[in-house]
Amino acid sequence: MYYIVAFLFSLNSVLVMYKKHLIRSLFLVLIYITMACETVSHKPTYSIQIQIEEANLTQDEKTRAIANIQNRLESAGAKDITITEQEEQKVTFNFHGKIKPQKLRRSFAVSGKLEFFEVCNEHEILYRYLSEIHGNQKGGDLLSEVTEDIKTVDDILGIRVLGGYAGPVFATVSRENKNIVIEKLLKKEPVSIHGLEQRVKFLLGKSNRENQHEIYAVYVSSENKAPIDGSYVIDAYAEESNYGDSYVVSIQKNKEGAKIWEKMTEKAHMNQGNIAVVVDNLVYSAPSVSVGKITGGMSQISSNLSKEQATTLAAVIRSGSIPKMKILQESILKSYKQ
């Protein structure tokens, strides 16, 4: 009887040890399978090849551009990105994560070059300048002779020049005449105009409900640059506007940008002027500054944006501007096709 009890006790001990060993082994196998699955799932599954079309980029500019393209891909949902640089400014990005082609193309359709300019509201001086360079002296000083707010000048580039009460908008142009204005006015280098202390350049605004594009004149620095650009931005995000039926893009600048923004808004407030918010040379809005200087470095882009438009624009600004480029190829890597 003693031997039977001892045998049973020994058998139980062996079973207990075996059970512990089996559980431990199963646990290790489970960890291995989990790690293997994660490794496979994080391997690149998609590839996109782009070509940078801007010439004469320095290596630093190219490196920064590639980093911003990577940021743009990550904002669209890409993970574990690997980058391969090739000849002729071609770059291939392999990554994990399914991204809808239309979302990717919308993201790359905008360069994301963000700038803030002081608007030139000297409409009469601007009008005289255009009259002189285009040889139009027919109407004389229309802006002061006519009392209506809107004055039509059909023979100056096909634009409709607005009077002094029009706020920051200098003129409007129809869709039919837009290309003429772009070629003869907007593509020109900033100019010095008699009666204005700073150099001026013209910019196009978004089209309105009547399919008319607004035209703005803005001041530039001696280097033909904006006082603040996207390099001062540390964050951008979309949020619902106070009106509830549209979205805005809120932008947070760094400390240096906040100081410049404070001086810029203070000057605009004192002069009852406007500040143009510009992305890729397109004016999204040109608000006035009615509350005095703005501290903290916050600003907004408000242009009746939809949620999707605001979200895309915020992601573009947040990721940094990219050079002119085109997508050469998009593909699923063959070794990982389902």
Protein backbone atom coordinates (compact mmCIF):
# COMPACT_ATOMS: atom_id res chain seq x y z
CA MET A 1 0.00 0.00 0.00
CA TYR A 2 2.85 2.32 0.84
CA TYR A 3 4.45 1.78 -2.56
CA ILE A 4 1.19 2.48 -4.36
CA VAL A 5 0.73 5.78 -2.52
CA ALA A 6 4.32 6.77 -3.24
CA PHE A 7 3.89 5.92 -6.92
CA LEU A 8 0.73 7.95 -7.20
CA PHE A 9 2.39 10.88 -5.45
CA SER A 10 5.37 10.70 -7.83
CA LEU A 11 3.05 10.45 -10.84
CA ASN A 12 1.13 13.52 -9.70
CA SER A 13 4.36 15.48 -9.29
CA VAL A 14 5.44 14.52 -12.79
CA LEU A 15 2.06 15.56 -14.21
CA VAL A 16 2.23 18.89 -12.40
CA MET A 17 5.73 19.55 -13.74
CA TYR A 18 4.67 18.47 -17.22
CA LYS A 19 1.64 20.72 -17.06
CA LYS A 20 3.80 23.70 -16.06
CA HIS A 21 6.26 22.90 -18.84
CA LEU A 22 3.44 22.55 -21.38
CA ILE A 23 1.87 25.86 -20.36
CA ARG A 24 5.25 27.57 -20.52
CA SER A 25 5.92 26.09 -23.97
CA LEU A 26 2.51 27.11 -25.26
CA PHE A 27 3.05 30.61 -23.90
CA LEU A 28 6.41 30.91 -25.68
CA VAL A 29 4.91 29.60 -28.92
CA LEU A 30 2.10 32.15 -28.63
CA ILE A 31 4.61 34.98 -28.16
CA TYR A 32 6.60 33.78 -31.17
CA ILE A 33 3.51 33.60 -33.37
CA THR A 34 2.40 37.08 -32.25
CA MET A 35 5.84 38.55 -32.98
CA ALA A 36 5.95 36.82 -36.36
CA CYS A 37 2.52 38.16 -37.29
CA GLU A 38 3.46 41.67 -36.24
CA THR A 39 6.68 41.45 -38.26
CA VAL A 40 4.82 40.35 -41.37
CA SER A 41 2.03 42.90 -40.92
CA HIS A 42 4.50 45.77 -40.57
CA LYS A 43 6.49 44.91 -43.68
CA PRO A 44 5.96 47.36 -46.54
CA THR A 45 2.94 46.44 -48.64
CA TYR A 46 2.58 49.48 -50.88
CA SER A 47 4.93 51.51 -53.02
CA ILE A 48 4.75 54.98 -54.50
CA GLN A 49 7.36 56.58 -56.74
CA ILE A 50 7.47 60.35 -57.16
CA GLN A 51 9.63 62.73 -59.14
CA ILE A 52 10.58 66.15 -57.80
CA GLU A 53 10.16 68.58 -60.69
CA GLU A 54 11.77 71.67 -59.18
CA ALA A 55 15.26 72.23 -60.54
CA ASN A 56 18.31 73.57 -58.70
CA LEU A 57 17.35 72.24 -55.29
CA THR A 58 20.22 72.10 -52.83
CA GLN A 59 20.83 68.82 -51.01
CA ASP A 60 19.45 70.33 -47.80
CA GLU A 61 16.30 71.46 -49.63
CA LYS A 62 15.89 68.04 -51.19
CA THR A 63 16.39 66.30 -47.84
CA ARG A 64 13.81 68.58 -46.21
CA ALA A 65 11.40 68.00 -49.12
CA ILE A 66 11.68 64.22 -48.80
CA ALA A 67 11.11 64.47 -45.04
CA ASN A 68 7.98 66.56 -45.64
CA ILE A 69 6.71 64.06 -48.22
CA GLN A 70 7.19 61.35 -45.61
CA ASN A 71 5.23 63.47 -43.12
CA ARG A 72 2.48 63.86 -45.73
CA LEU A 73 2.30 60.06 -46.20
CA GLU A 74 2.17 59.48 -42.44
CA SER A 75 -0.65 62.01 -42.15
CA ALA A 76 -2.55 60.03 -44.78
CA GLY A 77 -2.10 56.80 -42.79
CA ALA A 78 1.20 55.27 -43.96
CA LYS A 79 3.40 53.39 -41.46
CA ASP A 80 6.92 51.93 -41.42
CA ILE A 81 8.04 53.96 -44.43
CA THR A 82 11.29 53.08 -46.20
CA ILE A 83 12.79 55.59 -48.65
CA THR A 84 14.96 54.94 -51.72
CA GLU A 85 16.45 57.87 -53.62
CA GLN A 86 17.12 57.39 -57.33
CA GLU A 87 18.49 59.33 -60.28
CA GLU A 88 16.67 62.25 -61.91
CA GLN A 89 15.22 63.32 -58.55
CA LYS A 90 13.06 60.21 -58.34
CA VAL A 91 12.22 58.87 -54.89
CA THR A 92 10.40 55.64 -53.96
CA PHE A 93 8.48 55.24 -50.71
CA ASN A 94 7.52 51.75 -49.54
CA PHE A 95 5.09 51.61 -46.64
CA HIS A 96 2.49 49.62 -44.75
CA GLY A 97 -1.13 50.69 -44.54
CA LYS A 98 -4.01 50.98 -46.95
CA ILE A 99 -4.51 54.51 -48.24
CA LYS A 100 -7.26 55.36 -50.67
CA PRO A 101 -5.70 56.64 -53.93
CA GLN A 102 -7.96 59.71 -54.03
CA LYS A 103 -6.95 60.65 -50.48
CA LEU A 104 -3.29 60.32 -51.40
CA ARG A 105 -3.65 62.42 -54.54
CA ARG A 106 -5.61 65.11 -52.68
CA SER A 107 -2.82 65.27 -50.14
CA PHE A 108 -0.17 65.75 -52.83
CA ALA A 109 -2.27 68.13 -54.93
CA VAL A 110 -1.44 70.96 -52.50
CA SER A 111 2.14 72.03 -51.99
CA GLY A 112 1.30 73.50 -48.60
CA LYS A 113 3.34 76.69 -48.90
CA LEU A 114 1.79 78.83 -46.16
CA GLU A 115 2.39 82.61 -45.98
CA PHE A 116 0.91 85.63 -44.19
CA PHE A 117 1.03 89.05 -45.88
CA GLU A 118 -0.09 92.57 -45.03
CA VAL A 119 -2.72 93.60 -47.61
CA CYS A 120 -2.24 96.79 -49.61
CA ASN A 121 -5.55 98.64 -49.49
CA GLU A 122 -4.39 101.63 -51.56
CA HIS A 123 -6.76 100.84 -54.42
CA GLU A 124 -6.47 104.17 -56.20
CA ILE A 125 -2.68 104.00 -56.34
CA LEU A 126 -2.85 100.43 -57.60
CA TYR A 127 -5.39 101.40 -60.24
CA ARG A 128 -3.24 104.27 -61.52
CA TYR A 129 -0.25 101.93 -61.70
CA LEU A 130 -2.16 99.43 -63.83
CA SER A 131 -3.47 102.22 -66.04
CA GLU A 132 0.03 103.47 -66.70
CA ILE A 133 1.71 100.16 -67.47
CA HIS A 134 -1.13 99.01 -69.73
CA GLY A 135 -1.50 102.35 -71.53
CA ASN A 136 -5.10 102.94 -70.49
CA GLN A 137 -5.87 106.59 -69.84
CA LYS A 138 -9.48 106.60 -71.08
CA GLY A 139 -11.37 106.95 -67.85
CA GLY A 140 -9.11 109.28 -65.94
CA ASP A 141 -9.29 108.91 -62.19
CA LEU A 142 -12.39 106.70 -62.11
CA LEU A 143 -12.04 105.72 -58.49
CA SER A 144 -12.44 109.28 -57.18
CA GLU A 145 -14.86 110.61 -59.82
CA VAL A 146 -17.48 107.86 -59.51
CA THR A 147 -19.35 107.65 -56.22
CA GLU A 148 -20.47 104.02 -56.51
CA ASP A 149 -18.59 101.40 -54.52
CA ILE A 150 -17.91 99.28 -57.61
CA LYS A 151 -16.33 100.68 -60.77
CA THR A 152 -16.05 98.58 -63.92
CA VAL A 153 -12.89 98.80 -66.03
CA ASP A 154 -13.29 96.28 -68.84
CA ASP A 155 -10.24 97.29 -70.82
CA ILE A 156 -7.66 96.74 -68.07
CA LEU A 157 -6.90 93.03 -68.19
CA GLY A 158 -10.60 92.27 -68.13
CA ILE A 159 -10.75 92.87 -64.38
CA ARG A 160 -13.38 94.65 -62.33
CA VAL A 161 -11.63 97.12 -60.05
CA LEU A 162 -13.34 97.78 -56.72
CA GLY A 163 -13.50 101.07 -54.88
CA GLY A 164 -12.04 102.11 -51.56
CA TYR A 165 -14.90 100.62 -49.57
CA ALA A 166 -14.30 97.12 -50.89
CA GLY A 167 -11.95 96.20 -48.06
CA PRO A 168 -8.95 94.05 -48.89
CA VAL A 169 -10.17 92.96 -52.35
CA PHE A 170 -8.66 95.12 -55.08
CA ALA A 171 -10.52 93.63 -58.05
CA THR A 172 -12.31 90.57 -59.37
CA VAL A 173 -11.81 88.60 -62.56
CA SER A 174 -14.05 86.16 -64.35
CA ARG A 175 -13.07 82.57 -64.97
CA GLU A 176 -12.73 83.38 -68.68
CA ASN A 177 -10.16 86.13 -68.07
CA LYS A 178 -8.32 84.42 -65.21
CA ASN A 179 -5.47 83.01 -67.31
CA ILE A 180 -4.78 86.42 -68.88
CA VAL A 181 -4.54 88.00 -65.42
CA ILE A 182 -2.29 85.19 -64.17
CA GLU A 183 0.08 85.60 -67.10
CA LYS A 184 0.22 89.41 -67.27
CA LEU A 185 -0.16 90.35 -63.62
CA LEU A 186 0.14 87.55 -61.07
CA LYS A 187 3.26 85.89 -62.48
CA LYS A 188 5.18 89.18 -62.43
CA GLU A 189 7.85 89.81 -59.84
CA PRO A 190 6.96 92.16 -56.95
CA VAL A 191 7.11 95.81 -58.05
CA SER A 192 7.87 99.17 -56.52
CA ILE A 193 4.95 101.55 -57.03
CA HIS A 194 5.24 105.31 -56.61
CA GLY A 195 3.38 106.36 -53.47
CA LEU A 196 3.87 103.06 -51.67
CA GLU A 197 6.75 102.47 -49.28
CA GLN A 198 6.98 98.70 -49.82
CA ARG A 199 7.10 96.46 -52.85
CA VAL A 200 3.81 94.92 -53.92
CA LYS A 201 2.73 91.73 -55.63
CA PHE A 202 -0.70 90.59 -56.78
CA LEU A 203 -2.37 87.36 -55.71
CA LEU A 204 -5.48 85.48 -56.73
CA GLY A 205 -8.20 84.52 -54.26
CA LYS A 206 -10.64 81.64 -54.28
CA SER A 207 -13.65 81.89 -56.57
CA ASN A 208 -16.93 83.16 -55.14
CA ARG A 209 -20.48 82.03 -55.81
CA GLU A 210 -20.58 83.99 -59.06
CA ASN A 211 -17.43 82.18 -60.29
CA GLN A 212 -15.46 85.40 -59.90
CA HIS A 213 -11.93 85.25 -58.49
CA GLU A 214 -10.85 88.01 -56.14
CA ILE A 215 -7.54 89.80 -56.73
CA TYR A 216 -5.43 91.06 -53.83
CA ALA A 217 -2.34 93.23 -53.61
CA VAL A 218 0.04 92.44 -50.74
CA TYR A 219 3.25 93.94 -49.40
CA VAL A 220 6.46 91.91 -49.52
CA SER A 221 9.80 92.34 -47.76
CA SER A 222 12.95 93.62 -49.43
CA GLU A 223 13.75 89.96 -50.17
CA ASN A 224 10.29 89.56 -51.78
CA LYS A 225 9.17 87.27 -48.98
CA ALA A 226 6.31 87.11 -46.50
CA PRO A 227 6.92 88.19 -42.88
CA ILE A 228 5.69 84.77 -41.69
CA ASP A 229 5.59 81.46 -43.51
CA GLY A 230 5.04 77.80 -42.72
CA SER A 231 8.48 77.37 -41.18
CA TYR A 232 7.15 79.10 -38.03
CA VAL A 233 4.20 76.71 -37.66
CA ILE A 234 4.30 73.97 -35.03
CA ASP A 235 0.73 72.69 -35.34
CA ALA A 236 -2.40 72.97 -37.47
CA TYR A 237 -5.76 71.30 -36.99
CA ALA A 238 -9.32 71.46 -38.33
CA GLU A 239 -12.24 72.43 -36.14
CA GLU A 240 -15.84 73.49 -36.56
CA SER A 241 -16.37 77.21 -37.04
CA ASN A 242 -18.47 79.32 -34.71
CA TYR A 243 -21.21 79.33 -37.33
CA GLY A 244 -21.52 75.55 -37.26
CA ASP A 245 -21.95 75.01 -41.01
CA SER A 246 -18.28 75.11 -42.01
CA TYR A 247 -14.80 74.36 -40.72
CA VAL A 248 -11.66 76.40 -40.10
CA VAL A 249 -7.98 75.52 -39.83
CA SER A 250 -6.36 76.75 -36.62
CA ILE A 251 -2.63 77.37 -36.79
CA GLN A 252 -0.19 77.58 -33.88
CA LYS A 253 3.16 79.30 -34.44
CA ASN A 254 6.37 78.89 -32.48
CA LYS A 255 7.76 81.56 -30.13
CA GLU A 256 9.61 83.44 -32.85
CA GLY A 257 6.59 83.34 -35.13
CA ALA A 258 4.32 84.49 -32.29
CA LYS A 259 6.46 87.62 -31.79
CA ILE A 260 6.35 88.47 -35.51
CA TRP A 261 2.60 87.80 -35.57
CA GLU A 262 2.06 90.10 -32.58
CA LYS A 263 3.84 93.01 -34.33
CA MET A 264 2.12 92.28 -37.63
CA THR A 265 -1.38 92.22 -36.14
CA GLU A 266 -0.70 95.32 -34.06
CA LYS A 267 0.29 97.24 -37.20
CA ALA A 268 -2.78 95.96 -39.08
CA HIS A 269 -5.03 97.03 -36.22
CA MET A 270 -3.53 100.53 -36.06
CA ASN A 271 -3.86 100.96 -39.85
CA GLN A 272 -7.30 99.34 -39.98
CA GLY A 273 -5.78 96.92 -42.44
CA ASN A 274 -6.01 93.24 -43.29
CA ILE A 275 -3.73 90.22 -43.28
CA ALA A 276 -3.94 87.77 -46.18
CA VAL A 277 -3.68 84.08 -45.35
CA VAL A 278 -2.11 82.47 -48.40
CA VAL A 279 -1.55 78.82 -49.33
CA ASP A 280 0.27 78.04 -52.58
CA ASN A 281 -0.14 81.66 -53.75
CA LEU A 282 -3.90 81.46 -53.32
CA VAL A 283 -5.56 83.81 -50.82
CA TYR A 284 -7.91 81.80 -48.61
CA SER A 285 -8.98 84.73 -46.44
CA ALA A 286 -7.91 88.28 -45.57
CA PRO A 287 -9.38 89.14 -42.16
CA SER A 288 -9.11 92.50 -40.48
CA VAL A 289 -7.65 92.83 -36.98
CA SER A 290 -10.31 94.46 -34.81
CA VAL A 291 -9.12 93.48 -31.32
CA GLY A 292 -5.60 94.88 -31.31
CA LYS A 293 -2.43 92.84 -31.44
CA ILE A 294 -2.83 89.08 -31.20
CA THR A 295 -0.57 87.33 -28.72
CA GLY A 296 0.19 83.63 -28.44
CA GLY A 297 0.78 83.01 -32.14
CA MET A 298 -2.67 81.62 -33.00
CA SER A 299 -4.39 82.30 -36.34
CA GLN A 300 -7.06 80.73 -38.52
CA ILE A 301 -7.87 79.97 -42.13
CA SER A 302 -11.59 80.48 -42.62
CA SER A 303 -12.98 80.15 -46.12
CA ASN A 304 -16.21 78.13 -45.87
CA LEU A 305 -14.22 74.92 -45.81
CA SER A 306 -15.89 71.53 -45.56
CA LYS A 307 -14.68 69.13 -42.88
CA GLU A 308 -12.72 67.11 -45.45
CA GLN A 309 -11.15 70.21 -46.99
CA ALA A 310 -10.16 71.61 -43.59
CA THR A 311 -8.74 68.27 -42.41
CA THR A 312 -6.67 67.84 -45.58
CA LEU A 313 -5.42 71.44 -45.48
CA ALA A 314 -4.46 71.14 -41.80
CA ALA A 315 -2.54 67.92 -42.45
CA VAL A 316 -0.77 69.55 -45.40
CA ILE A 317 0.27 72.61 -43.37
CA ARG A 318 1.29 70.50 -40.40
CA SER A 319 3.52 68.24 -42.50
CA GLY A 320 5.36 71.13 -44.16
CA SER A 321 5.46 72.32 -47.76
CA ILE A 322 6.67 70.10 -50.57
CA PRO A 323 8.17 71.07 -53.94
CA LYS A 324 6.40 70.70 -57.26
CA MET A 325 6.29 66.97 -57.97
CA LYS A 326 4.35 64.27 -59.77
CA ILE A 327 3.41 60.72 -58.88
CA LEU A 328 5.04 58.34 -61.36
CA GLN A 329 3.78 55.01 -60.04
CA GLU A 330 1.61 53.49 -57.32
CA SER A 331 1.64 49.74 -56.75
CA ILE A 332 1.16 46.85 -54.32
CA LEU A 333 4.42 45.03 -53.67
CA LYS A 334 4.16 41.65 -55.43
CA SER A 335 5.61 39.57 -52.60
CA TYR A 336 2.79 40.71 -50.31
CA LYS A 337 -0.20 40.50 -52.63
CA GLN A 338 -3.16 38.74 -51.07
